[in-house]
Amino acid sequence: MNTHIELVKNWLTDPDSVTPQELLSNADTASDISDNLGLESESYYAVKYDRIGALYDRFDDTNAVEYPEYFAAYYADSASHFAAANDAVVATYWVTKYKELTA
């Protein structure tokens, strides 16, 4: 399991078990991984500018099977950023997408 997803899952289960600093650090390192794969991290900007709809349309999920490492990194990045922004609903969405991809 992805360590970034695991931290988000811990936060979703028990928000007091993860500090805000841990969530921010988790989001930063998840972005680094996405960036290293050549993906632009739009999660931060979506949170900052409330452009959540843009995230849902970023990738065509039908390609997830063909490029699982990219989608896994993107889903972990997105979940991490929404957790850092204290948005449990959207963080849960991205954790679920990750679990579906890696099941």
C-alpha atoms as a PDB file:
ATOM      1  CA  MET A   1       0.000   0.000   0.000  1.00  0.00           C
ATOM      2  CA  ASN A   2       1.091   3.541  -0.715  1.00  0.00           C
ATOM      3  CA  THR A   3       2.422   5.316   2.403  1.00  0.00           C
ATOM      4  CA  HIS A   4       0.663   8.561   1.428  1.00  0.00           C
ATOM      5  CA  ILE A   5      -2.683   6.801   1.122  1.00  0.00           C
ATOM      6  CA  GLU A   6      -2.075   5.019   4.438  1.00  0.00           C
ATOM      7  CA  LEU A   7      -1.514   8.310   6.247  1.00  0.00           C
ATOM      8  CA  VAL A   8      -4.698   9.755   4.739  1.00  0.00           C
ATOM      9  CA  LYS A   9      -6.623   6.631   5.752  1.00  0.00           C
ATOM     10  CA  ASN A  10      -5.294   7.010   9.308  1.00  0.00           C
ATOM     11  CA  TRP A  11      -6.440  10.641   9.323  1.00  0.00           C
ATOM     12  CA  LEU A  12      -9.871   9.688   7.979  1.00  0.00           C
ATOM     13  CA  THR A  13     -10.275   7.057  10.687  1.00  0.00           C
ATOM     14  CA  ASP A  14      -8.938   9.234  13.518  1.00  0.00           C
ATOM     15  CA  PRO A  15      -8.207  12.872  12.630  1.00  0.00           C
ATOM     16  CA  ASP A  16      -6.359  13.409  15.920  1.00  0.00           C
ATOM     17  CA  SER A  17      -3.860  10.650  15.089  1.00  0.00           C
ATOM     18  CA  VAL A  18      -2.182  12.771  12.403  1.00  0.00           C
ATOM     19  CA  THR A  19      -0.913  16.305  12.900  1.00  0.00           C
ATOM     20  CA  PRO A  20      -1.557  19.094  10.408  1.00  0.00           C
ATOM     21  CA  GLN A  21       2.209  19.225   9.820  1.00  0.00           C
ATOM     22  CA  GLU A  22       2.247  15.516   8.921  1.00  0.00           C
ATOM     23  CA  LEU A  23      -0.601  16.067   6.468  1.00  0.00           C
ATOM     24  CA  LEU A  24       1.209  18.967   4.815  1.00  0.00           C
ATOM     25  CA  SER A  25       4.460  17.029   4.607  1.00  0.00           C
ATOM     26  CA  ASN A  26       2.592  14.056   3.182  1.00  0.00           C
ATOM     27  CA  ALA A  27       1.027  16.257   0.503  1.00  0.00           C
ATOM     28  CA  ASP A  28       4.407  17.751  -0.378  1.00  0.00           C
ATOM     29  CA  THR A  29       6.140  14.402  -0.799  1.00  0.00           C
ATOM     30  CA  ALA A  30       3.195  12.944  -2.742  1.00  0.00           C
ATOM     31  CA  SER A  31       3.487  15.916  -5.114  1.00  0.00           C
ATOM     32  CA  ASP A  32       7.198  15.296  -5.510  1.00  0.00           C
ATOM     33  CA  ILE A  33       6.494  11.732  -6.627  1.00  0.00           C
ATOM     34  CA  SER A  34       3.849  12.899  -9.108  1.00  0.00           C
ATOM     35  CA  ASP A  35       6.196  15.556 -10.421  1.00  0.00           C
ATOM     36  CA  ASN A  36       8.991  13.006 -10.843  1.00  0.00           C
ATOM     37  CA  LEU A  37       6.647  10.923 -12.989  1.00  0.00           C
ATOM     38  CA  GLY A  38       6.046  13.953 -15.170  1.00  0.00           C
ATOM     39  CA  LEU A  39       2.594  14.700 -13.792  1.00  0.00           C
ATOM     40  CA  GLU A  40       1.669  18.237 -12.908  1.00  0.00           C
ATOM     41  CA  SER A  41       0.219  18.369  -9.446  1.00  0.00           C
ATOM     42  CA  GLU A  42      -3.039  20.237  -9.766  1.00  0.00           C
ATOM     43  CA  SER A  43      -4.362  19.101  -6.394  1.00  0.00           C
ATOM     44  CA  TYR A  44      -2.870  22.004  -4.471  1.00  0.00           C
ATOM     45  CA  TYR A  45      -4.224  24.525  -6.942  1.00  0.00           C
ATOM     46  CA  ALA A  46      -7.641  22.914  -6.977  1.00  0.00           C
ATOM     47  CA  VAL A  47      -7.808  23.202  -3.194  1.00  0.00           C
ATOM     48  CA  LYS A  48      -6.438  26.734  -3.214  1.00  0.00           C
ATOM     49  CA  TYR A  49      -8.683  27.988  -5.991  1.00  0.00           C
ATOM     50  CA  ASP A  50     -11.636  25.673  -5.364  1.00  0.00           C
ATOM     51  CA  ARG A  51     -11.384  24.088  -8.802  1.00  0.00           C
ATOM     52  CA  ILE A  52     -12.292  20.601  -7.674  1.00  0.00           C
ATOM     53  CA  GLY A  53     -14.162  19.890 -10.904  1.00  0.00           C
ATOM     54  CA  ALA A  54     -10.902  20.230 -12.811  1.00  0.00           C
ATOM     55  CA  LEU A  55      -9.429  17.369 -10.815  1.00  0.00           C
ATOM     56  CA  TYR A  56     -12.221  14.996 -11.676  1.00  0.00           C
ATOM     57  CA  ASP A  57     -11.651  15.641 -15.363  1.00  0.00           C
ATOM     58  CA  ARG A  58      -7.828  15.598 -15.243  1.00  0.00           C
ATOM     59  CA  PHE A  59      -7.443  11.993 -16.343  1.00  0.00           C
ATOM     60  CA  ASP A  60      -9.667   9.691 -18.294  1.00  0.00           C
ATOM     61  CA  ASP A  61     -10.063   6.751 -15.905  1.00  0.00           C
ATOM     62  CA  THR A  62     -10.319   4.322 -18.806  1.00  0.00           C
ATOM     63  CA  ASN A  63      -6.533   4.680 -19.156  1.00  0.00           C
ATOM     64  CA  ALA A  64      -5.862   3.717 -15.528  1.00  0.00           C
ATOM     65  CA  VAL A  65      -5.322   0.060 -16.385  1.00  0.00           C
ATOM     66  CA  GLU A  66      -2.798   0.991 -19.036  1.00  0.00           C
ATOM     67  CA  TYR A  67      -0.853   3.453 -16.838  1.00  0.00           C
ATOM     68  CA  PRO A  68      -1.460   2.351 -13.230  1.00  0.00           C
ATOM     69  CA  GLU A  69       1.700   3.915 -11.770  1.00  0.00           C
ATOM     70  CA  TYR A  70       0.655   7.365 -13.000  1.00  0.00           C
ATOM     71  CA  PHE A  71      -2.885   7.065 -11.746  1.00  0.00           C
ATOM     72  CA  ALA A  72      -1.778   5.639  -8.389  1.00  0.00           C
ATOM     73  CA  ALA A  73       0.594   8.581  -7.899  1.00  0.00           C
ATOM     74  CA  TYR A  74      -2.064  11.060  -8.973  1.00  0.00           C
ATOM     75  CA  TYR A  75      -4.727   9.577  -6.689  1.00  0.00           C
ATOM     76  CA  ALA A  76      -2.313   9.548  -3.720  1.00  0.00           C
ATOM     77  CA  ASP A  77      -1.290  13.135  -4.475  1.00  0.00           C
ATOM     78  CA  SER A  78      -4.912  14.252  -4.646  1.00  0.00           C
ATOM     79  CA  ALA A  79      -5.961  12.404  -1.481  1.00  0.00           C
ATOM     80  CA  SER A  80      -3.000  13.861   0.391  1.00  0.00           C
ATOM     81  CA  HIS A  81      -3.777  17.433  -0.625  1.00  0.00           C
ATOM     82  CA  PHE A  82      -7.443  17.224   0.253  1.00  0.00           C
ATOM     83  CA  ALA A  83      -6.599  15.688   3.625  1.00  0.00           C
ATOM     84  CA  ALA A  84      -4.168  18.545   4.262  1.00  0.00           C
ATOM     85  CA  ALA A  85      -7.019  20.923   3.394  1.00  0.00           C
ATOM     86  CA  ASN A  86      -9.267  19.118   5.911  1.00  0.00           C
ATOM     87  CA  ASP A  87     -11.677  17.937   3.211  1.00  0.00           C
ATOM     88  CA  ALA A  88     -12.535  14.398   4.296  1.00  0.00           C
ATOM     89  CA  VAL A  89     -15.214  13.905   1.635  1.00  0.00           C
ATOM     90  CA  VAL A  90     -12.939  14.537  -1.330  1.00  0.00           C
ATOM     91  CA  ALA A  91      -9.953  12.820   0.321  1.00  0.00           C
ATOM     92  CA  THR A  92     -12.140   9.733   0.740  1.00  0.00           C
ATOM     93  CA  TYR A  93     -13.070   9.887  -2.941  1.00  0.00           C
ATOM     94  CA  TRP A  94      -9.377   9.761  -3.970  1.00  0.00           C
ATOM     95  CA  VAL A  95      -8.541   7.003  -1.465  1.00  0.00           C
ATOM     96  CA  THR A  96     -11.402   4.967  -2.913  1.00  0.00           C
ATOM     97  CA  LYS A  97     -10.153   5.569  -6.455  1.00  0.00           C
ATOM     98  CA  TYR A  98      -6.692   4.396  -5.363  1.00  0.00           C
ATOM     99  CA  LYS A  99      -8.092   1.254  -3.720  1.00  0.00           C
ATOM    100  CA  GLU A 100     -10.153   0.413  -6.818  1.00  0.00           C
ATOM    101  CA  LEU A 101      -7.078   0.801  -9.016  1.00  0.00           C
ATOM    102  CA  THR A 102      -4.807  -1.322  -6.844  1.00  0.00           C
ATOM    103  CA  ALA A 103      -7.320  -4.008  -5.837  1.00  0.00           C
END
